[in-house]
Amino acid sequence: MTYRVCFVCTGNICRSPMAEVVFRARVAEAGLDGLVEVDSAGTGGWHEGDGADPRTVAVLEENGYVTSHTARQFQPSWFSRLDLVIALDSGHLGALRRLAPTEQDARKVKLLRSYDPAAGDDLDVPDPYYGGPEGFEECLEMVEAASTGLLAAVRENMEGRAA
């Protein structure tokens, strides 16, 4: 049974596509291709149909990631097919939990940096959109740091379902 994860930020052109690409690479490295499905979306539809921000693409490619992305807006009906909905900041977390049709669906929403033990109390991934390349590099570092813990949690959840 496929385990489905969706990363969500505001417009689905910076943070969430970056998280999607990085986590998909971690899933492949772990040999879980075909068992874990990874995608992303935005809380709003402003950029629907657009590619990822060129700065996101540049930072990912500079670090060896392959990108292909089309922005889309998160739909409440998706909760029924998703196992985890990963918010990139606390604003997204609140918005997604309000969209959740059931309390069980609301519990599927987690903050990405909650999977990084070194994150401390600051669990938001800052929006790099209005800044320079350093913000995108910082975003990538945060995403990569949290991806290890997220992968471990996904493995544990998958094993729990199989038992």
N, C-alpha and C. Protein backbone atom coordinates (compact mmCIF):
# COMPACT_ATOMS: atom_id res chain seq x y z
N MET A 1 0.84 -1.18 0.00
CA MET A 1 0.00 0.00 0.00
C MET A 1 0.88 1.24 0.00
N THR A 2 0.64 2.15 -0.90
CA THR A 2 1.45 3.36 -1.05
C THR A 2 1.19 4.33 0.09
N TYR A 3 2.27 4.91 0.61
CA TYR A 3 2.22 5.94 1.65
C TYR A 3 2.34 7.29 0.96
N ARG A 4 1.41 8.20 1.21
CA ARG A 4 1.37 9.46 0.46
C ARG A 4 1.65 10.66 1.35
N VAL A 5 2.61 11.50 0.90
CA VAL A 5 3.02 12.70 1.62
C VAL A 5 2.88 13.90 0.69
N CYS A 6 2.28 14.97 1.19
CA CYS A 6 2.15 16.21 0.41
C CYS A 6 2.72 17.37 1.23
N PHE A 7 3.66 18.11 0.64
CA PHE A 7 4.25 19.29 1.27
C PHE A 7 3.46 20.52 0.83
N VAL A 8 3.20 21.44 1.78
CA VAL A 8 2.37 22.60 1.45
C VAL A 8 3.00 23.88 1.99
N CYS A 9 3.13 24.87 1.08
CA CYS A 9 3.50 26.23 1.47
C CYS A 9 2.45 27.18 0.90
N THR A 10 2.78 28.43 0.73
CA THR A 10 1.78 29.41 0.31
C THR A 10 1.41 29.28 -1.17
N GLY A 11 2.40 29.45 -2.06
CA GLY A 11 2.11 29.47 -3.48
C GLY A 11 2.57 28.27 -4.26
N ASN A 12 3.27 27.36 -3.61
CA ASN A 12 3.77 26.13 -4.23
C ASN A 12 4.79 26.41 -5.34
N ILE A 13 5.65 27.43 -5.11
CA ILE A 13 6.73 27.68 -6.07
C ILE A 13 8.11 27.75 -5.42
N CYS A 14 8.18 27.83 -4.08
CA CYS A 14 9.48 27.94 -3.41
C CYS A 14 9.73 26.79 -2.43
N ARG A 15 9.14 26.91 -1.25
CA ARG A 15 9.44 25.97 -0.17
C ARG A 15 8.89 24.57 -0.39
N SER A 16 7.61 24.45 -0.73
CA SER A 16 7.03 23.11 -0.86
C SER A 16 7.60 22.33 -2.04
N PRO A 17 7.85 22.95 -3.21
CA PRO A 17 8.48 22.15 -4.27
C PRO A 17 9.90 21.73 -3.89
N MET A 18 10.59 22.60 -3.14
CA MET A 18 11.94 22.25 -2.69
C MET A 18 11.87 21.03 -1.76
N ALA A 19 10.92 21.05 -0.82
CA ALA A 19 10.76 19.93 0.09
C ALA A 19 10.36 18.66 -0.65
N GLU A 20 9.48 18.81 -1.63
CA GLU A 20 9.06 17.66 -2.44
C GLU A 20 10.25 17.01 -3.14
N VAL A 21 11.06 17.82 -3.79
CA VAL A 21 12.21 17.31 -4.56
C VAL A 21 13.22 16.64 -3.63
N VAL A 22 13.54 17.28 -2.52
CA VAL A 22 14.52 16.74 -1.58
C VAL A 22 13.99 15.44 -0.97
N PHE A 23 12.74 15.43 -0.53
CA PHE A 23 12.21 14.23 0.11
C PHE A 23 12.07 13.09 -0.89
N ARG A 24 11.68 13.40 -2.11
CA ARG A 24 11.59 12.35 -3.13
C ARG A 24 12.97 11.71 -3.35
N ALA A 25 14.02 12.53 -3.33
CA ALA A 25 15.39 12.00 -3.47
C ALA A 25 15.74 11.10 -2.28
N ARG A 26 15.34 11.50 -1.07
CA ARG A 26 15.62 10.67 0.12
C ARG A 26 14.86 9.34 0.05
N VAL A 27 13.64 9.40 -0.43
CA VAL A 27 12.83 8.19 -0.59
C VAL A 27 13.50 7.24 -1.58
N ALA A 28 13.99 7.78 -2.69
CA ALA A 28 14.67 6.96 -3.70
C ALA A 28 15.95 6.36 -3.13
N GLU A 29 16.73 7.18 -2.42
CA GLU A 29 17.98 6.69 -1.81
C GLU A 29 17.71 5.55 -0.82
N ALA A 30 16.56 5.61 -0.16
CA ALA A 30 16.19 4.60 0.83
C ALA A 30 15.59 3.35 0.19
N GLY A 31 15.43 3.37 -1.15
CA GLY A 31 14.86 2.23 -1.84
C GLY A 31 13.35 2.10 -1.66
N LEU A 32 12.69 3.22 -1.38
CA LEU A 32 11.25 3.19 -1.14
C LEU A 32 10.43 3.72 -2.32
N ASP A 33 11.07 3.89 -3.48
CA ASP A 33 10.34 4.29 -4.69
C ASP A 33 9.19 3.31 -4.91
N GLY A 34 8.06 3.83 -5.24
CA GLY A 34 6.90 2.98 -5.47
C GLY A 34 6.12 2.69 -4.20
N LEU A 35 6.76 2.88 -3.06
CA LEU A 35 6.07 2.65 -1.78
C LEU A 35 5.65 3.96 -1.12
N VAL A 36 6.39 5.04 -1.46
CA VAL A 36 6.10 6.36 -0.92
C VAL A 36 5.90 7.32 -2.09
N GLU A 37 4.75 7.97 -2.12
CA GLU A 37 4.44 8.96 -3.16
C GLU A 37 4.58 10.35 -2.54
N VAL A 38 5.31 11.23 -3.23
CA VAL A 38 5.59 12.57 -2.71
C VAL A 38 5.12 13.62 -3.70
N ASP A 39 4.39 14.62 -3.21
CA ASP A 39 4.01 15.75 -4.06
C ASP A 39 3.92 17.00 -3.20
N SER A 40 3.44 18.09 -3.79
CA SER A 40 3.34 19.36 -3.06
C SER A 40 2.21 20.20 -3.62
N ALA A 41 1.83 21.22 -2.85
CA ALA A 41 0.76 22.13 -3.25
C ALA A 41 0.90 23.42 -2.44
N GLY A 42 0.07 24.40 -2.80
CA GLY A 42 0.04 25.67 -2.07
C GLY A 42 -1.30 25.87 -1.40
N THR A 43 -1.31 26.69 -0.36
CA THR A 43 -2.58 27.01 0.28
C THR A 43 -3.43 27.91 -0.60
N GLY A 44 -2.77 28.63 -1.51
CA GLY A 44 -3.48 29.50 -2.45
C GLY A 44 -3.19 29.08 -3.88
N GLY A 45 -3.98 29.61 -4.80
CA GLY A 45 -3.84 29.22 -6.19
C GLY A 45 -3.20 30.27 -7.08
N TRP A 46 -2.52 31.26 -6.48
CA TRP A 46 -1.95 32.37 -7.25
C TRP A 46 -1.01 31.92 -8.35
N HIS A 47 -0.25 30.88 -8.11
CA HIS A 47 0.78 30.44 -9.07
C HIS A 47 0.41 29.14 -9.77
N GLU A 48 -0.83 28.70 -9.63
CA GLU A 48 -1.27 27.44 -10.22
C GLU A 48 -0.89 27.37 -11.70
N GLY A 49 -0.24 26.29 -12.08
CA GLY A 49 0.19 26.08 -13.45
C GLY A 49 1.60 26.58 -13.74
N ASP A 50 2.17 27.38 -12.83
CA ASP A 50 3.54 27.88 -13.01
C ASP A 50 4.56 26.83 -12.59
N GLY A 51 5.78 27.00 -13.08
CA GLY A 51 6.89 26.18 -12.62
C GLY A 51 7.40 26.71 -11.29
N ALA A 52 8.36 26.02 -10.72
CA ALA A 52 8.99 26.48 -9.48
C ALA A 52 9.74 27.78 -9.74
N ASP A 53 9.89 28.58 -8.71
CA ASP A 53 10.65 29.82 -8.79
C ASP A 53 12.06 29.49 -9.32
N PRO A 54 12.58 30.26 -10.26
CA PRO A 54 13.91 29.97 -10.83
C PRO A 54 15.01 29.89 -9.77
N ARG A 55 14.86 30.63 -8.67
CA ARG A 55 15.86 30.56 -7.60
C ARG A 55 15.78 29.22 -6.86
N THR A 56 14.60 28.69 -6.72
CA THR A 56 14.43 27.35 -6.14
C THR A 56 15.10 26.32 -7.03
N VAL A 57 14.81 26.40 -8.32
CA VAL A 57 15.39 25.47 -9.29
C VAL A 57 16.91 25.57 -9.26
N ALA A 58 17.45 26.79 -9.24
CA ALA A 58 18.91 26.98 -9.26
C ALA A 58 19.57 26.36 -8.03
N VAL A 59 19.02 26.61 -6.86
CA VAL A 59 19.60 26.06 -5.62
C VAL A 59 19.52 24.54 -5.62
N LEU A 60 18.40 24.00 -6.06
CA LEU A 60 18.27 22.54 -6.10
C LEU A 60 19.28 21.94 -7.08
N GLU A 61 19.35 22.49 -8.28
CA GLU A 61 20.27 21.94 -9.29
C GLU A 61 21.73 22.08 -8.88
N GLU A 62 22.07 23.20 -8.22
CA GLU A 62 23.44 23.39 -7.73
C GLU A 62 23.82 22.33 -6.70
N ASN A 63 22.81 21.76 -6.06
CA ASN A 63 23.05 20.75 -5.03
C ASN A 63 22.73 19.34 -5.50
N GLY A 64 22.61 19.17 -6.81
CA GLY A 64 22.48 17.83 -7.38
C GLY A 64 21.09 17.26 -7.48
N TYR A 65 20.08 18.08 -7.26
CA TYR A 65 18.71 17.60 -7.35
C TYR A 65 18.14 17.85 -8.74
N VAL A 66 17.28 16.94 -9.19
CA VAL A 66 16.60 17.08 -10.47
C VAL A 66 15.20 17.63 -10.19
N THR A 67 14.82 18.68 -10.93
CA THR A 67 13.53 19.30 -10.67
C THR A 67 12.62 19.27 -11.89
N SER A 68 11.35 19.10 -11.60
CA SER A 68 10.27 19.22 -12.57
C SER A 68 9.04 19.51 -11.73
N HIS A 69 8.40 20.65 -11.95
CA HIS A 69 7.34 21.05 -11.03
C HIS A 69 6.30 21.93 -11.72
N THR A 70 5.05 21.72 -11.36
CA THR A 70 3.96 22.60 -11.77
C THR A 70 3.13 22.90 -10.52
N ALA A 71 3.01 24.18 -10.20
CA ALA A 71 2.30 24.59 -8.98
C ALA A 71 0.81 24.27 -9.06
N ARG A 72 0.25 23.95 -7.89
CA ARG A 72 -1.18 23.68 -7.78
C ARG A 72 -1.65 24.06 -6.38
N GLN A 73 -2.94 24.16 -6.21
CA GLN A 73 -3.52 24.53 -4.93
C GLN A 73 -4.01 23.28 -4.21
N PHE A 74 -3.75 23.22 -2.91
CA PHE A 74 -4.20 22.10 -2.09
C PHE A 74 -5.72 22.09 -2.02
N GLN A 75 -6.31 20.91 -2.13
CA GLN A 75 -7.75 20.74 -2.07
C GLN A 75 -8.14 19.89 -0.85
N PRO A 76 -9.13 20.32 -0.08
CA PRO A 76 -9.54 19.54 1.10
C PRO A 76 -9.87 18.09 0.79
N SER A 77 -10.36 17.81 -0.41
CA SER A 77 -10.72 16.43 -0.77
C SER A 77 -9.50 15.51 -0.80
N TRP A 78 -8.30 16.07 -0.87
CA TRP A 78 -7.08 15.26 -0.91
C TRP A 78 -6.78 14.58 0.41
N PHE A 79 -7.30 15.12 1.51
CA PHE A 79 -7.01 14.54 2.82
C PHE A 79 -7.31 13.05 2.86
N SER A 80 -8.36 12.62 2.21
CA SER A 80 -8.77 11.22 2.29
C SER A 80 -7.74 10.27 1.68
N ARG A 81 -6.91 10.75 0.75
CA ARG A 81 -5.93 9.87 0.12
C ARG A 81 -4.51 10.08 0.65
N LEU A 82 -4.32 11.10 1.50
CA LEU A 82 -2.98 11.40 2.01
C LEU A 82 -2.78 10.81 3.41
N ASP A 83 -1.53 10.40 3.66
CA ASP A 83 -1.17 9.91 4.99
C ASP A 83 -0.58 11.03 5.84
N LEU A 84 0.18 11.92 5.21
CA LEU A 84 0.80 13.05 5.89
C LEU A 84 0.69 14.30 5.02
N VAL A 85 0.37 15.41 5.66
CA VAL A 85 0.36 16.71 5.00
C VAL A 85 1.38 17.55 5.77
N ILE A 86 2.46 17.91 5.09
CA ILE A 86 3.57 18.59 5.76
C ILE A 86 3.54 20.08 5.46
N ALA A 87 3.28 20.88 6.49
CA ALA A 87 3.24 22.33 6.38
C ALA A 87 4.65 22.89 6.55
N LEU A 88 4.96 23.94 5.79
CA LEU A 88 6.29 24.54 5.87
C LEU A 88 6.38 25.63 6.92
N ASP A 89 5.25 26.18 7.37
CA ASP A 89 5.30 27.10 8.50
C ASP A 89 3.98 27.04 9.27
N SER A 90 3.95 27.72 10.42
CA SER A 90 2.79 27.62 11.31
C SER A 90 1.52 28.22 10.69
N GLY A 91 1.67 29.20 9.80
CA GLY A 91 0.50 29.73 9.10
C GLY A 91 -0.14 28.68 8.21
N HIS A 92 0.69 27.92 7.51
CA HIS A 92 0.18 26.83 6.67
C HIS A 92 -0.45 25.75 7.54
N LEU A 93 0.19 25.46 8.67
CA LEU A 93 -0.33 24.45 9.59
C LEU A 93 -1.76 24.79 10.00
N GLY A 94 -1.99 26.03 10.43
CA GLY A 94 -3.33 26.45 10.84
C GLY A 94 -4.32 26.42 9.69
N ALA A 95 -3.90 26.91 8.53
CA ALA A 95 -4.80 26.93 7.37
C ALA A 95 -5.20 25.52 6.96
N LEU A 96 -4.24 24.61 6.95
CA LEU A 96 -4.53 23.23 6.55
C LEU A 96 -5.42 22.52 7.56
N ARG A 97 -5.18 22.76 8.84
CA ARG A 97 -6.02 22.12 9.85
C ARG A 97 -7.45 22.65 9.78
N ARG A 98 -7.61 23.92 9.42
CA ARG A 98 -8.97 24.46 9.26
C ARG A 98 -9.66 23.86 8.03
N LEU A 99 -8.90 23.53 7.01
CA LEU A 99 -9.46 22.91 5.79
C LEU A 99 -9.84 21.45 5.99
N ALA A 100 -9.23 20.81 6.98
CA ALA A 100 -9.43 19.37 7.18
C ALA A 100 -10.89 19.05 7.46
N PRO A 101 -11.46 18.12 6.69
CA PRO A 101 -12.87 17.77 6.88
C PRO A 101 -13.17 17.07 8.21
N THR A 102 -12.18 16.38 8.77
CA THR A 102 -12.38 15.65 10.02
C THR A 102 -11.22 15.90 10.97
N GLU A 103 -11.43 15.58 12.23
CA GLU A 103 -10.36 15.71 13.23
C GLU A 103 -9.20 14.77 12.88
N GLN A 104 -9.52 13.59 12.39
CA GLN A 104 -8.49 12.63 11.96
C GLN A 104 -7.64 13.23 10.84
N ASP A 105 -8.26 13.91 9.90
CA ASP A 105 -7.52 14.56 8.82
C ASP A 105 -6.64 15.69 9.38
N ALA A 106 -7.15 16.45 10.31
CA ALA A 106 -6.38 17.54 10.91
C ALA A 106 -5.12 17.01 11.59
N ARG A 107 -5.19 15.81 12.17
CA ARG A 107 -4.02 15.21 12.82
C ARG A 107 -2.94 14.78 11.82
N LYS A 108 -3.28 14.69 10.55
CA LYS A 108 -2.31 14.34 9.51
C LYS A 108 -1.35 15.50 9.20
N VAL A 109 -1.72 16.72 9.61
CA VAL A 109 -0.94 17.91 9.29
C VAL A 109 0.15 18.11 10.33
N LYS A 110 1.39 18.17 9.87
CA LYS A 110 2.56 18.35 10.75
C LYS A 110 3.46 19.42 10.15
N LEU A 111 4.26 20.04 11.00
CA LEU A 111 5.27 20.99 10.54
C LEU A 111 6.54 20.24 10.14
N LEU A 112 7.11 20.60 9.00
CA LEU A 112 8.31 19.92 8.51
C LEU A 112 9.44 19.92 9.53
N ARG A 113 9.71 21.08 10.10
CA ARG A 113 10.87 21.17 10.99
C ARG A 113 10.64 20.45 12.33
N SER A 114 9.45 19.98 12.59
CA SER A 114 9.22 19.18 13.80
C SER A 114 9.96 17.84 13.70
N TYR A 115 10.41 17.50 12.51
CA TYR A 115 11.18 16.27 12.29
C TYR A 115 12.68 16.50 12.39
N ASP A 116 13.10 17.72 12.71
CA ASP A 116 14.52 18.05 12.88
C ASP A 116 14.77 18.34 14.34
N PRO A 117 15.42 17.41 15.07
CA PRO A 117 15.64 17.62 16.50
C PRO A 117 16.48 18.87 16.81
N ALA A 118 17.28 19.33 15.87
CA ALA A 118 18.12 20.51 16.09
C ALA A 118 17.36 21.81 15.87
N ALA A 119 16.11 21.75 15.41
CA ALA A 119 15.35 22.95 15.09
C ALA A 119 14.96 23.76 16.33
N GLY A 120 14.89 23.11 17.48
CA GLY A 120 14.48 23.82 18.68
C GLY A 120 13.02 24.23 18.62
N ASP A 121 12.73 25.46 19.06
CA ASP A 121 11.35 25.94 19.11
C ASP A 121 10.91 26.64 17.82
N ASP A 122 11.87 27.02 16.97
CA ASP A 122 11.55 27.72 15.74
C ASP A 122 11.31 26.71 14.63
N LEU A 123 10.05 26.36 14.40
CA LEU A 123 9.73 25.29 13.45
C LEU A 123 9.29 25.79 12.08
N ASP A 124 9.31 27.10 11.87
CA ASP A 124 8.94 27.64 10.56
C ASP A 124 10.12 27.65 9.61
N VAL A 125 9.87 27.30 8.35
CA VAL A 125 10.84 27.50 7.28
C VAL A 125 10.51 28.86 6.69
N PRO A 126 11.40 29.86 6.85
CA PRO A 126 11.09 31.21 6.35
C PRO A 126 10.87 31.23 4.85
N ASP A 127 9.95 32.10 4.42
CA ASP A 127 9.65 32.24 3.00
C ASP A 127 10.79 33.01 2.33
N PRO A 128 11.49 32.39 1.38
CA PRO A 128 12.62 33.07 0.74
C PRO A 128 12.22 33.96 -0.44
N TYR A 129 10.95 33.98 -0.80
CA TYR A 129 10.47 34.60 -2.04
C TYR A 129 10.93 36.05 -2.21
N TYR A 130 10.85 36.86 -1.18
CA TYR A 130 11.16 38.28 -1.30
C TYR A 130 12.62 38.61 -1.02
N GLY A 131 13.46 37.61 -0.84
CA GLY A 131 14.86 37.84 -0.54
C GLY A 131 15.78 37.38 -1.66
N GLY A 132 17.04 37.27 -1.32
CA GLY A 132 18.04 36.85 -2.29
C GLY A 132 18.32 35.37 -2.23
N PRO A 133 19.35 34.94 -2.95
CA PRO A 133 19.67 33.51 -3.03
C PRO A 133 20.00 32.86 -1.69
N GLU A 134 20.52 33.65 -0.75
CA GLU A 134 20.87 33.07 0.56
C GLU A 134 19.64 32.52 1.28
N GLY A 135 18.46 33.13 1.07
CA GLY A 135 17.24 32.61 1.68
C GLY A 135 16.85 31.26 1.12
N PHE A 136 17.09 31.05 -0.16
CA PHE A 136 16.79 29.77 -0.79
C PHE A 136 17.78 28.70 -0.32
N GLU A 137 19.03 29.11 -0.13
CA GLU A 137 20.05 28.17 0.39
C GLU A 137 19.73 27.77 1.82
N GLU A 138 19.29 28.74 2.63
CA GLU A 138 18.90 28.45 4.01
C GLU A 138 17.69 27.52 4.03
N CYS A 139 16.74 27.77 3.15
CA CYS A 139 15.55 26.92 3.03
C CYS A 139 15.97 25.48 2.72
N LEU A 140 16.87 25.32 1.77
CA LEU A 140 17.33 23.98 1.40
C LEU A 140 17.99 23.29 2.60
N GLU A 141 18.81 24.01 3.34
CA GLU A 141 19.47 23.42 4.52
C GLU A 141 18.44 22.93 5.53
N MET A 142 17.41 23.73 5.77
CA MET A 142 16.36 23.35 6.72
C MET A 142 15.58 22.13 6.22
N VAL A 143 15.26 22.13 4.95
CA VAL A 143 14.52 21.02 4.35
C VAL A 143 15.34 19.73 4.44
N GLU A 144 16.61 19.81 4.08
CA GLU A 144 17.46 18.62 4.13
C GLU A 144 17.60 18.10 5.55
N ALA A 145 17.77 19.01 6.51
CA ALA A 145 17.93 18.60 7.91
C ALA A 145 16.68 17.88 8.42
N ALA A 146 15.51 18.34 8.04
CA ALA A 146 14.27 17.73 8.52
C ALA A 146 13.92 16.44 7.77
N SER A 147 14.43 16.29 6.56
CA SER A 147 14.07 15.13 5.73
C SER A 147 14.52 13.81 6.33
N THR A 148 15.62 13.80 7.04
CA THR A 148 16.11 12.57 7.66
C THR A 148 15.11 12.06 8.70
N GLY A 149 14.68 12.95 9.59
CA GLY A 149 13.70 12.57 10.61
C GLY A 149 12.35 12.23 10.02
N LEU A 150 11.96 12.97 8.97
CA LEU A 150 10.69 12.68 8.32
C LEU A 150 10.71 11.30 7.67
N LEU A 151 11.81 10.96 7.03
CA LEU A 151 11.92 9.64 6.41
C LEU A 151 11.82 8.54 7.47
N ALA A 152 12.46 8.74 8.61
CA ALA A 152 12.38 7.76 9.70
C ALA A 152 10.93 7.61 10.18
N ALA A 153 10.22 8.74 10.30
CA ALA A 153 8.82 8.69 10.75
C ALA A 153 7.94 7.99 9.73
N VAL A 154 8.17 8.25 8.45
CA VAL A 154 7.39 7.60 7.41
C VAL A 154 7.63 6.09 7.44
N ARG A 155 8.89 5.69 7.57
CA ARG A 155 9.20 4.25 7.66
C ARG A 155 8.46 3.61 8.83
N GLU A 156 8.50 4.28 9.97
CA GLU A 156 7.85 3.76 11.18
C GLU A 156 6.34 3.65 10.96
N ASN A 157 5.75 4.67 10.35
CA ASN A 157 4.30 4.64 10.08
C ASN A 157 3.95 3.53 9.09
N MET A 158 4.80 3.33 8.10
CA MET A 158 4.55 2.26 7.12
C MET A 158 4.62 0.91 7.78
N GLU A 159 5.60 0.71 8.66
CA GLU A 159 5.73 -0.56 9.38
C GLU A 159 4.53 -0.79 10.29
N GLY A 160 4.05 0.29 10.92
CA GLY A 160 2.89 0.19 11.80
C GLY A 160 1.64 -0.22 11.05
N ARG A 161 1.51 0.22 9.81
CA ARG A 161 0.35 -0.15 8.99
C ARG A 161 0.42 -1.59 8.54
N ALA A 162 1.64 -2.08 8.30
CA ALA A 162 1.82 -3.45 7.79
C ALA A 162 1.60 -4.48 8.90
N ALA A 163 1.77 -4.04 10.14
CA ALA A 163 1.69 -4.99 11.28
C ALA A 163 0.27 -5.38 11.58
